[in-house]
Amino acid sequence: MQSWSSTKVVGRLAAAGLALFASLATAQAAVPVYGYEIKHSYPHDPQAFTQGLLFQNGILYESTGLNGRSSVRKVALETGKVLQKTDIPAQFFGEGITAVGNVIIGLTWTSQTGFIFDSETLQLKQTFSYPGEGWALATDGERLYMSDGTAYIRVLDPKTMQQTRRIRVTADGEPVTQINELEWVEGQIYANIWQTDKIARIDPFSGRVMGWIDLSGLAAKAGIESGSDNVLNGIAYDSAKRRLFVTGKLWPKLFEIELKRK
C-alpha cells in the first residue's frame, strides 16, 4: 500500500505528464505556417483584374473580372504578353477558371452562369447554370472544386456540373470564409483568402486547413500600395516542374515562389 506522500508524488508526476501530453497535443495540432522565397518575377498585365489562374502545357491561362472587362486569355509566362483572348459579355463579371480535358470552365460572380471554352481556341462552346455565387474553380483531374465565398467548397461532377458533395473548411475547428481563387497542388487545395495575404492549404476530404502560406510583403514587391483594393488573387501550379505561381488583381508582376516553413 502506498503512503500518502508517495501517492502525492505519483499524483504530481501524473499531472505533469498530462500537462506535457496536452502541450505536445497542442503543438501537434497547431497549423503550420509557411513563408516564401521569390524564385522569379515575371511581367503581368496591370489592367488584368485577375480572378483565375492556371498553368497547362507551358501556357498560363488567366480569367479577369469586372463588368465590361472580363475575359479568358492565354498568356506567355516569360513576357506577360496576352497571346489570345476571348471577352466575356459585359453583363457578366468573370470569376475563376480551371481546365478539364480540352476545355476551360469558367464562372461568373452573381449571374449564376458558367462558360465552357475550347482550350485551344478559347471559343465559347456552351453555358451552364448553378445556384448562388461563383468565385473560383480547381480540379484534381476527376472532380471540380468550386468556391462561393462561404466556408464551403462545392464538389462538382465535370460532366454534368452538378454538385456531389460539399466540404466545410475549418482551421482549429473554426469555419474559414472568404475562400477565393483555388488551385490543386499535390493532393491539397490551395485557396486565396480574399482581402488577406494568406493562402490556405486545405485537405480535400476533411476540409481542415493543413497549413497557411503567409505572403505578407509580396504586394509591396509588386509595387502595390498598402490598403489598395488590388489584393492578392491568383494561384497556378506547374506540376511538371513543381513551380508555384501567384499574383494579384491589377498587379504588374507575377511571382514564382518557393515555400519556407516558419
Protein backbone atom coordinates (compact mmCIF):
# COMPACT_ATOMS: atom_id res chain seq x y z
CA MET A 1 0.00 0.00 0.00
CA GLN A 2 1.37 3.47 -0.92
CA SER A 3 1.82 6.11 1.71
CA TRP A 4 0.07 9.49 1.44
CA SER A 5 3.36 11.17 0.45
CA SER A 6 4.16 8.65 -2.28
CA THR A 7 0.61 8.95 -3.62
CA LYS A 8 1.05 12.69 -3.68
CA VAL A 9 4.31 12.37 -5.67
CA VAL A 10 2.69 9.94 -8.10
CA GLY A 11 -0.21 12.36 -8.50
CA ARG A 12 2.14 15.22 -9.23
CA LEU A 13 4.02 13.13 -11.77
CA ALA A 14 0.75 12.12 -13.41
CA ALA A 15 -0.39 15.75 -13.53
CA ALA A 16 2.94 16.79 -15.05
CA GLY A 17 2.61 14.00 -17.59
CA LEU A 18 -0.88 15.13 -18.53
CA ALA A 19 0.30 18.72 -18.85
CA LEU A 20 3.18 17.63 -21.10
CA PHE A 21 0.81 15.50 -23.18
CA ALA A 22 -1.59 18.44 -23.54
CA SER A 23 1.28 20.71 -24.53
CA LEU A 24 2.51 18.24 -27.15
CA ALA A 25 -1.00 17.73 -28.46
CA THR A 26 -1.44 21.49 -28.81
CA ALA A 27 1.88 21.77 -30.63
CA GLN A 28 0.92 18.94 -32.96
CA ALA A 29 -2.50 20.50 -33.57
CA ALA A 30 -1.08 23.92 -34.43
CA VAL A 31 -1.48 24.68 -38.11
CA PRO A 32 1.97 25.16 -39.67
CA VAL A 33 2.75 28.49 -41.33
CA TYR A 34 4.93 28.88 -44.42
CA GLY A 35 6.73 31.93 -45.66
CA TYR A 36 8.12 32.32 -49.16
CA GLU A 37 11.17 32.98 -51.26
CA ILE A 38 10.79 34.64 -54.66
CA LYS A 39 12.45 32.48 -57.30
CA HIS A 40 11.44 34.52 -60.35
CA SER A 41 9.45 37.64 -61.16
CA TYR A 42 7.56 37.97 -64.45
CA PRO A 43 5.67 40.85 -66.12
CA HIS A 44 1.91 40.79 -65.67
CA ASP A 45 -0.79 42.88 -67.34
CA PRO A 46 -1.56 45.67 -64.83
CA GLN A 47 -5.03 46.00 -66.39
CA ALA A 48 -5.90 42.37 -65.63
CA PHE A 49 -8.30 42.11 -62.68
CA THR A 50 -7.15 38.56 -62.01
CA GLN A 51 -9.84 36.11 -60.94
CA GLY A 52 -8.47 32.74 -62.03
CA LEU A 53 -5.04 31.41 -62.95
CA LEU A 54 -3.76 28.05 -64.19
CA PHE A 55 -0.73 26.65 -65.97
CA GLN A 56 -1.10 23.94 -68.60
CA ASN A 57 1.15 22.70 -71.41
CA GLY A 58 3.56 25.58 -70.98
CA ILE A 59 0.83 28.23 -71.20
CA LEU A 60 -0.57 30.43 -68.48
CA TYR A 61 -4.36 30.74 -68.64
CA GLU A 62 -5.99 33.63 -66.84
CA SER A 63 -9.52 34.89 -66.28
CA THR A 64 -10.26 38.50 -65.46
CA GLY A 65 -13.22 40.22 -63.85
CA LEU A 66 -15.23 43.45 -63.72
CA ASN A 67 -18.27 44.10 -65.89
CA GLY A 68 -17.21 45.07 -69.39
CA ARG A 69 -13.60 44.00 -68.75
CA SER A 70 -13.97 40.27 -68.10
CA SER A 71 -12.10 37.81 -70.29
CA VAL A 72 -10.40 34.44 -70.58
CA ARG A 73 -6.90 34.59 -72.01
CA LYS A 74 -3.69 32.74 -72.79
CA VAL A 75 -0.57 34.46 -71.55
CA ALA A 76 3.15 33.96 -72.24
CA LEU A 77 4.68 33.41 -68.80
CA GLU A 78 8.09 34.92 -69.53
CA THR A 79 6.84 38.16 -71.09
CA GLY A 80 3.30 38.57 -69.75
CA LYS A 81 2.12 39.06 -73.33
CA VAL A 82 -1.51 38.15 -73.99
CA LEU A 83 -1.38 35.55 -76.76
CA GLN A 84 -5.10 35.01 -77.17
CA LYS A 85 -8.21 36.41 -75.53
CA THR A 86 -11.96 35.92 -75.52
CA ASP A 87 -14.02 38.69 -73.98
CA ILE A 88 -16.97 37.78 -71.79
CA PRO A 89 -20.21 39.72 -72.45
CA ALA A 90 -20.36 42.95 -70.46
CA GLN A 91 -23.33 41.90 -68.32
CA PHE A 92 -21.14 39.21 -66.71
CA PHE A 93 -18.49 39.65 -64.01
CA GLY A 94 -15.94 36.94 -64.77
CA GLU A 95 -14.58 34.78 -61.97
CA GLY A 96 -12.33 31.71 -61.65
CA ILE A 97 -11.41 29.08 -64.25
CA THR A 98 -9.99 25.57 -64.43
CA ALA A 99 -9.07 23.15 -67.21
CA VAL A 100 -10.67 19.73 -67.74
CA GLY A 101 -9.60 17.73 -70.77
CA ASN A 102 -9.68 20.05 -73.77
CA VAL A 103 -11.94 22.71 -72.25
CA ILE A 104 -11.62 25.67 -69.91
CA ILE A 105 -14.52 26.02 -67.48
CA GLY A 106 -15.24 29.48 -66.05
CA LEU A 107 -17.62 31.03 -63.54
CA THR A 108 -19.31 34.41 -63.14
CA TRP A 109 -19.86 36.17 -59.85
CA THR A 110 -23.60 36.71 -59.32
CA SER A 111 -25.15 35.74 -62.67
CA GLN A 112 -25.36 32.02 -61.84
CA THR A 113 -23.93 31.35 -65.30
CA GLY A 114 -20.83 29.41 -66.24
CA PHE A 115 -18.98 29.18 -69.54
CA ILE A 116 -17.14 26.33 -71.23
CA PHE A 117 -14.43 27.33 -73.72
CA ASP A 118 -12.31 25.30 -76.10
CA SER A 119 -8.83 25.29 -74.53
CA GLU A 120 -7.10 25.62 -77.91
CA THR A 121 -9.15 28.41 -79.50
CA LEU A 122 -10.86 29.88 -76.39
CA GLN A 123 -14.05 29.77 -78.43
CA LEU A 124 -17.23 29.54 -76.33
CA LYS A 125 -18.75 26.06 -76.60
CA GLN A 126 -21.63 26.17 -74.12
CA THR A 127 -23.00 27.66 -70.93
CA PHE A 128 -24.34 26.11 -67.73
CA SER A 129 -26.17 27.26 -64.61
CA TYR A 130 -25.54 26.90 -60.88
CA PRO A 131 -27.15 28.34 -57.74
CA GLY A 132 -25.54 31.08 -55.68
CA GLU A 133 -22.33 32.96 -56.35
CA GLY A 134 -19.31 31.71 -58.28
CA TRP A 135 -15.81 32.62 -57.07
CA ALA A 136 -13.29 30.05 -58.24
CA LEU A 137 -12.68 26.59 -59.65
CA ALA A 138 -9.97 23.91 -59.42
CA THR A 139 -9.74 20.25 -60.38
CA ASP A 140 -7.96 17.11 -59.27
CA GLY A 141 -8.46 15.64 -62.74
CA GLU A 142 -11.66 13.85 -61.80
CA ARG A 143 -13.73 16.34 -59.81
CA LEU A 144 -14.24 20.08 -59.78
CA TYR A 145 -13.90 22.16 -56.62
CA MET A 146 -15.85 25.41 -56.54
CA SER A 147 -15.68 28.27 -54.04
CA ASP A 148 -18.56 30.67 -53.48
CA GLY A 149 -17.17 32.98 -50.79
CA THR A 150 -18.54 30.91 -47.91
CA ALA A 151 -16.82 28.36 -45.68
CA TYR A 152 -17.90 25.60 -48.07
CA ILE A 153 -16.25 24.27 -51.20
CA ARG A 154 -18.63 22.53 -53.58
CA VAL A 155 -17.53 19.33 -55.31
CA LEU A 156 -18.95 19.07 -58.83
CA ASP A 157 -19.15 16.37 -61.47
CA PRO A 158 -17.37 17.92 -64.50
CA LYS A 159 -19.63 16.02 -66.92
CA THR A 160 -22.92 17.28 -65.50
CA MET A 161 -21.73 20.30 -63.45
CA GLN A 162 -23.95 19.01 -60.65
CA GLN A 163 -22.88 19.15 -57.01
CA THR A 164 -22.00 15.78 -55.48
CA ARG A 165 -20.95 16.96 -52.01
CA ARG A 166 -19.67 19.93 -50.01
CA ILE A 167 -16.52 20.41 -47.99
CA ARG A 168 -16.72 22.56 -44.86
CA VAL A 169 -13.38 24.34 -44.46
CA THR A 170 -12.13 24.84 -40.90
CA ALA A 171 -8.97 25.93 -39.10
CA ASP A 172 -8.60 24.96 -35.45
CA GLY A 173 -12.25 23.94 -35.55
CA GLU A 174 -13.48 27.35 -36.74
CA PRO A 175 -15.01 27.93 -40.20
CA VAL A 176 -12.86 29.71 -42.78
CA THR A 177 -14.82 32.06 -45.03
CA GLN A 178 -13.93 34.33 -47.98
CA ILE A 179 -12.42 31.37 -49.81
CA ASN A 180 -11.49 32.69 -53.22
CA GLU A 181 -9.17 31.54 -56.06
CA LEU A 182 -8.39 27.81 -55.92
CA GLU A 183 -5.64 25.54 -57.21
CA TRP A 184 -4.99 21.81 -56.81
CA VAL A 185 -1.41 21.30 -55.60
CA GLU A 186 -0.13 17.80 -54.91
CA GLY A 187 -3.23 16.50 -53.17
CA GLN A 188 -4.28 19.71 -51.43
CA ILE A 189 -6.49 22.61 -52.39
CA TYR A 190 -4.67 25.93 -52.18
CA ALA A 191 -7.05 28.84 -51.66
CA ASN A 192 -6.59 32.59 -51.54
CA ILE A 193 -8.48 34.07 -48.61
CA TRP A 194 -9.98 37.24 -50.05
CA GLN A 195 -8.57 40.56 -48.82
CA THR A 196 -5.77 38.86 -46.89
CA ASP A 197 -2.16 37.93 -47.60
CA LYS A 198 -2.85 34.30 -46.78
CA ILE A 199 -3.32 31.12 -48.79
CA ALA A 200 -4.93 28.15 -47.04
CA ARG A 201 -3.73 24.62 -47.76
CA ILE A 202 -6.90 22.56 -47.44
CA ASP A 203 -7.40 18.81 -47.10
CA PRO A 204 -9.98 17.98 -49.79
CA PHE A 205 -11.59 15.24 -47.70
CA SER A 206 -11.84 16.64 -44.17
CA GLY A 207 -11.82 20.32 -45.12
CA ARG A 208 -9.18 21.04 -42.46
CA VAL A 209 -6.61 23.73 -43.15
CA MET A 210 -3.33 21.81 -43.08
CA GLY A 211 -1.13 24.88 -43.44
CA TRP A 212 -1.12 28.62 -44.01
CA ILE A 213 1.05 30.39 -46.57
CA ASP A 214 1.84 33.91 -45.39
CA LEU A 215 2.56 36.16 -48.38
CA SER A 216 2.92 39.37 -46.37
CA GLY A 217 5.04 41.92 -48.21
CA LEU A 218 4.52 40.39 -51.65
CA ALA A 219 2.13 43.13 -52.79
CA ALA A 220 4.77 45.76 -51.97
CA LYS A 221 7.30 43.82 -54.05
CA ALA A 222 4.82 44.06 -56.93
CA GLY A 223 4.59 47.82 -56.43
CA ILE A 224 1.11 47.74 -54.88
CA GLU A 225 0.43 50.21 -52.07
CA SER A 226 -0.79 49.00 -48.70
CA GLY A 227 -4.55 49.23 -48.30
CA SER A 228 -5.18 49.00 -52.02
CA ASP A 229 -8.12 47.04 -53.40
CA ASN A 230 -5.66 45.29 -55.71
CA VAL A 231 -5.50 42.28 -53.44
CA LEU A 232 -3.61 39.04 -53.76
CA ASN A 233 -5.54 36.66 -56.01
CA GLY A 234 -4.34 34.02 -58.44
CA ILE A 235 -2.58 30.69 -57.86
CA ALA A 236 -1.17 28.46 -60.60
CA TYR A 237 0.89 25.29 -60.30
CA ASP A 238 3.19 23.76 -62.89
CA SER A 239 3.04 20.10 -61.82
CA ALA A 240 5.70 19.03 -64.34
CA LYS A 241 8.37 21.33 -62.88
CA ARG A 242 6.75 21.78 -59.45
CA ARG A 243 6.59 25.56 -59.78
CA LEU A 244 4.12 27.66 -57.83
CA PHE A 245 2.97 31.00 -59.26
CA VAL A 246 1.00 33.75 -57.54
CA THR A 247 -0.21 37.24 -58.46
CA GLY A 248 -2.95 39.73 -57.61
CA LYS A 249 -5.67 41.89 -59.11
CA LEU A 250 -4.16 44.60 -61.35
CA TRP A 251 -0.63 43.63 -60.31
CA PRO A 252 2.18 44.46 -62.75
CA LYS A 253 4.10 41.37 -61.65
CA LEU A 254 3.56 37.63 -61.28
CA PHE A 255 5.86 35.64 -59.00
CA GLU A 256 7.22 32.13 -58.84
CA ILE A 257 7.71 31.36 -55.16
CA GLU A 258 9.19 28.59 -53.05
CA LEU A 259 7.61 27.89 -49.68
CA LYS A 260 9.67 28.06 -46.48
CA ARG A 261 8.41 26.63 -43.17
CA LYS A 262 8.40 29.29 -40.47
